[in-house]
Amino acid sequence: MIDLFDELVLIANALDTNQIPYALVGGLAYSVWVELRATEDIDLLILPEDWDRSRAVLAHLGYKEWALPMDFPNIRIRRLTKLVDRSALVLDFLLADGGLREGIEKRVQFHHKQRSFNVAPPNVIITLKEGRMSAKDRNDIEGLRKLIERKEP
């Protein structure tokens, strides 16, 4: 079984070592900002120009690109997958086009278990979730908006 946190540490170390800026988004970012929530994948926001380097760096950790690029009107996604025994871990890279670049430019460091991770600000996570709007996304947006309201004067 692949441990999500251990993999996140390996991925963050590899990206940091290679000076590839990233920001956590998705379920892990929601868990950082609002409350713990179960998730089975890792979602990272990266600059489009860093995709090829990211893919090459993470190939050394066993990640392969088996999915075709997913290009939607509001987001471009590139997926890597790692298989170990009968377990798979999906790593989705959301390319920070246009206004999403703010997620990289204004990322926040979060410290956990002697390691720092970069996390996108709540407003960027909301923007990403609004593009999909599943039931889980709607609940996450509500939690993130409450967090923002609490922080505003």
Protein backbone atom coordinates (compact mmCIF):
# COMPACT_ATOMS: atom_id res chain seq x y z
CA MET A 1 0.00 0.00 0.00
CA ILE A 2 1.31 3.44 -0.93
CA ASP A 3 1.37 5.93 1.95
CA LEU A 4 -0.01 9.28 0.77
CA PHE A 5 2.00 11.39 3.22
CA ASP A 6 5.28 9.57 2.54
CA GLU A 7 4.76 10.08 -1.20
CA LEU A 8 3.94 13.75 -0.69
CA VAL A 9 7.25 14.17 1.15
CA LEU A 10 9.17 12.43 -1.67
CA ILE A 11 7.41 14.52 -4.33
CA ALA A 12 7.90 17.82 -2.47
CA ASN A 13 11.58 17.00 -1.87
CA ALA A 14 12.11 16.21 -5.56
CA LEU A 15 10.35 19.37 -6.75
CA ASP A 16 12.14 21.57 -4.21
CA THR A 17 15.54 20.06 -5.03
CA ASN A 18 14.95 20.82 -8.70
CA GLN A 19 13.59 24.31 -7.95
CA ILE A 20 10.16 23.60 -9.42
CA PRO A 21 7.57 25.77 -7.66
CA TYR A 22 4.33 24.03 -6.74
CA ALA A 23 1.30 24.47 -4.51
CA LEU A 24 -0.94 21.81 -3.02
CA VAL A 25 -4.57 22.05 -4.11
CA GLY A 26 -7.49 19.63 -3.87
CA GLY A 27 -8.30 17.48 -0.85
CA LEU A 28 -4.91 17.82 0.81
CA ALA A 29 -5.03 21.62 0.60
CA TYR A 30 -8.57 21.61 2.00
CA SER A 31 -7.29 19.49 4.90
CA VAL A 32 -4.57 22.07 5.58
CA TRP A 33 -6.90 25.09 5.50
CA VAL A 34 -10.18 23.83 6.95
CA GLU A 35 -10.37 20.29 8.34
CA LEU A 36 -9.03 16.84 7.67
CA ARG A 37 -10.78 15.18 4.77
CA ALA A 38 -10.14 11.77 3.24
CA THR A 39 -8.44 11.88 -0.13
CA GLU A 40 -6.76 9.26 -2.26
CA ASP A 41 -4.70 11.40 -4.61
CA ILE A 42 -2.36 14.36 -4.68
CA ASP A 43 -3.24 17.50 -6.64
CA LEU A 44 -0.51 20.04 -7.35
CA LEU A 45 -0.64 23.38 -9.10
CA ILE A 46 2.45 24.06 -11.22
CA LEU A 47 3.46 26.53 -13.89
CA PRO A 48 2.81 25.19 -17.40
CA GLU A 49 6.44 25.67 -18.36
CA ASP A 50 7.48 23.34 -15.50
CA TRP A 51 5.42 20.33 -16.63
CA ASP A 52 8.12 18.60 -18.69
CA ARG A 53 10.73 18.98 -15.93
CA SER A 54 8.25 17.81 -13.26
CA ARG A 55 7.40 14.70 -15.26
CA ALA A 56 11.10 13.88 -15.76
CA VAL A 57 12.01 14.46 -12.10
CA LEU A 58 9.15 12.30 -10.81
CA ALA A 59 9.88 9.48 -13.25
CA HIS A 60 12.81 8.71 -10.95
CA LEU A 61 10.27 8.08 -8.16
CA GLY A 62 8.29 5.63 -10.28
CA TYR A 63 5.61 8.00 -11.66
CA LYS A 64 4.53 7.39 -15.24
CA GLU A 65 2.29 9.28 -17.60
CA TRP A 66 -0.37 6.79 -18.68
CA ALA A 67 -3.23 9.25 -19.14
CA LEU A 68 -3.65 11.61 -22.04
CA PRO A 69 -3.61 15.36 -21.32
CA MET A 70 -6.96 16.60 -20.02
CA ASP A 71 -7.72 20.06 -21.37
CA PHE A 72 -10.95 21.74 -20.29
CA PRO A 73 -12.09 25.33 -20.86
CA ASN A 74 -11.10 26.34 -17.32
CA ILE A 75 -8.14 24.05 -16.52
CA ARG A 76 -5.46 21.83 -18.04
CA ILE A 77 -4.55 18.68 -16.12
CA ARG A 78 -1.61 16.34 -16.55
CA ARG A 79 -1.69 13.03 -14.66
CA LEU A 80 1.10 10.78 -13.41
CA THR A 81 0.47 7.45 -11.72
CA LYS A 82 2.65 5.28 -9.51
CA LEU A 83 1.94 1.56 -9.19
CA VAL A 84 3.29 -0.48 -6.30
CA ASP A 85 2.11 -4.07 -5.91
CA ARG A 86 -1.68 -3.72 -6.20
CA SER A 87 -1.80 -0.05 -5.17
CA ALA A 88 -1.90 3.03 -7.36
CA LEU A 89 -1.39 6.66 -6.50
CA VAL A 90 -2.64 9.33 -8.86
CA LEU A 91 -0.76 12.62 -9.00
CA ASP A 92 -2.64 15.34 -10.87
CA PHE A 93 -0.80 18.46 -12.02
CA LEU A 94 -3.08 21.41 -12.66
CA LEU A 95 -1.35 23.86 -14.94
CA ALA A 96 -1.43 27.39 -13.52
CA ASP A 97 -2.61 29.31 -16.56
CA GLY A 98 -3.89 32.88 -16.32
CA GLY A 99 -5.30 33.82 -12.92
CA LEU A 100 -4.30 30.49 -11.45
CA ARG A 101 -0.66 31.65 -11.45
CA GLU A 102 -1.61 33.44 -8.22
CA GLY A 103 -1.69 30.00 -6.59
CA ILE A 104 2.04 29.69 -7.22
CA GLU A 105 2.94 33.35 -6.65
CA LYS A 106 1.08 33.56 -3.31
CA ARG A 107 1.58 30.02 -2.05
CA VAL A 108 1.86 29.60 1.69
CA GLN A 109 4.26 27.33 3.52
CA PHE A 110 2.63 24.79 5.81
CA HIS A 111 4.81 22.92 8.32
CA HIS A 112 3.96 19.33 9.22
CA LYS A 113 6.17 16.61 10.73
CA GLN A 114 9.48 18.44 10.22
CA ARG A 115 8.65 19.22 6.58
CA SER A 116 7.32 22.31 4.82
CA PHE A 117 4.85 22.09 1.97
CA ASN A 118 3.58 24.83 -0.32
CA VAL A 119 -0.20 25.28 -0.31
CA ALA A 120 -2.28 27.45 -2.63
CA PRO A 121 -4.29 30.23 -0.96
CA PRO A 122 -7.98 29.47 -0.29
CA ASN A 123 -9.30 31.79 -3.02
CA VAL A 124 -7.33 29.89 -5.69
CA ILE A 125 -8.58 26.55 -4.39
CA ILE A 126 -12.14 27.91 -4.57
CA THR A 127 -11.59 28.98 -8.19
CA LEU A 128 -10.40 25.48 -9.09
CA LYS A 129 -13.30 23.80 -7.30
CA GLU A 130 -15.84 26.11 -8.93
CA GLY A 131 -14.73 24.74 -12.28
CA ARG A 132 -15.92 21.25 -11.34
CA MET A 133 -18.67 21.76 -8.74
CA SER A 134 -19.21 18.19 -7.55
CA ALA A 135 -21.07 17.77 -4.26
CA LYS A 136 -17.72 17.43 -2.48
CA ASP A 137 -16.44 20.57 -4.22
CA ARG A 138 -19.52 22.56 -3.11
CA ASN A 139 -18.94 21.50 0.51
CA ASP A 140 -15.24 22.35 0.26
CA ILE A 141 -16.04 25.78 -1.20
CA GLU A 142 -18.41 26.48 1.69
CA GLY A 143 -15.70 25.57 4.22
CA LEU A 144 -13.07 27.67 2.46
CA ARG A 145 -15.39 30.69 2.22
CA LYS A 146 -16.11 30.47 5.95
CA LEU A 147 -12.35 30.44 6.58
CA ILE A 148 -11.89 33.56 4.42
CA GLU A 149 -14.78 35.34 6.16
CA ARG A 150 -13.27 34.63 9.59
CA LYS A 151 -9.95 36.16 8.50
CA GLU A 152 -11.44 39.35 7.02
CA PRO A 153 -11.80 42.35 9.39
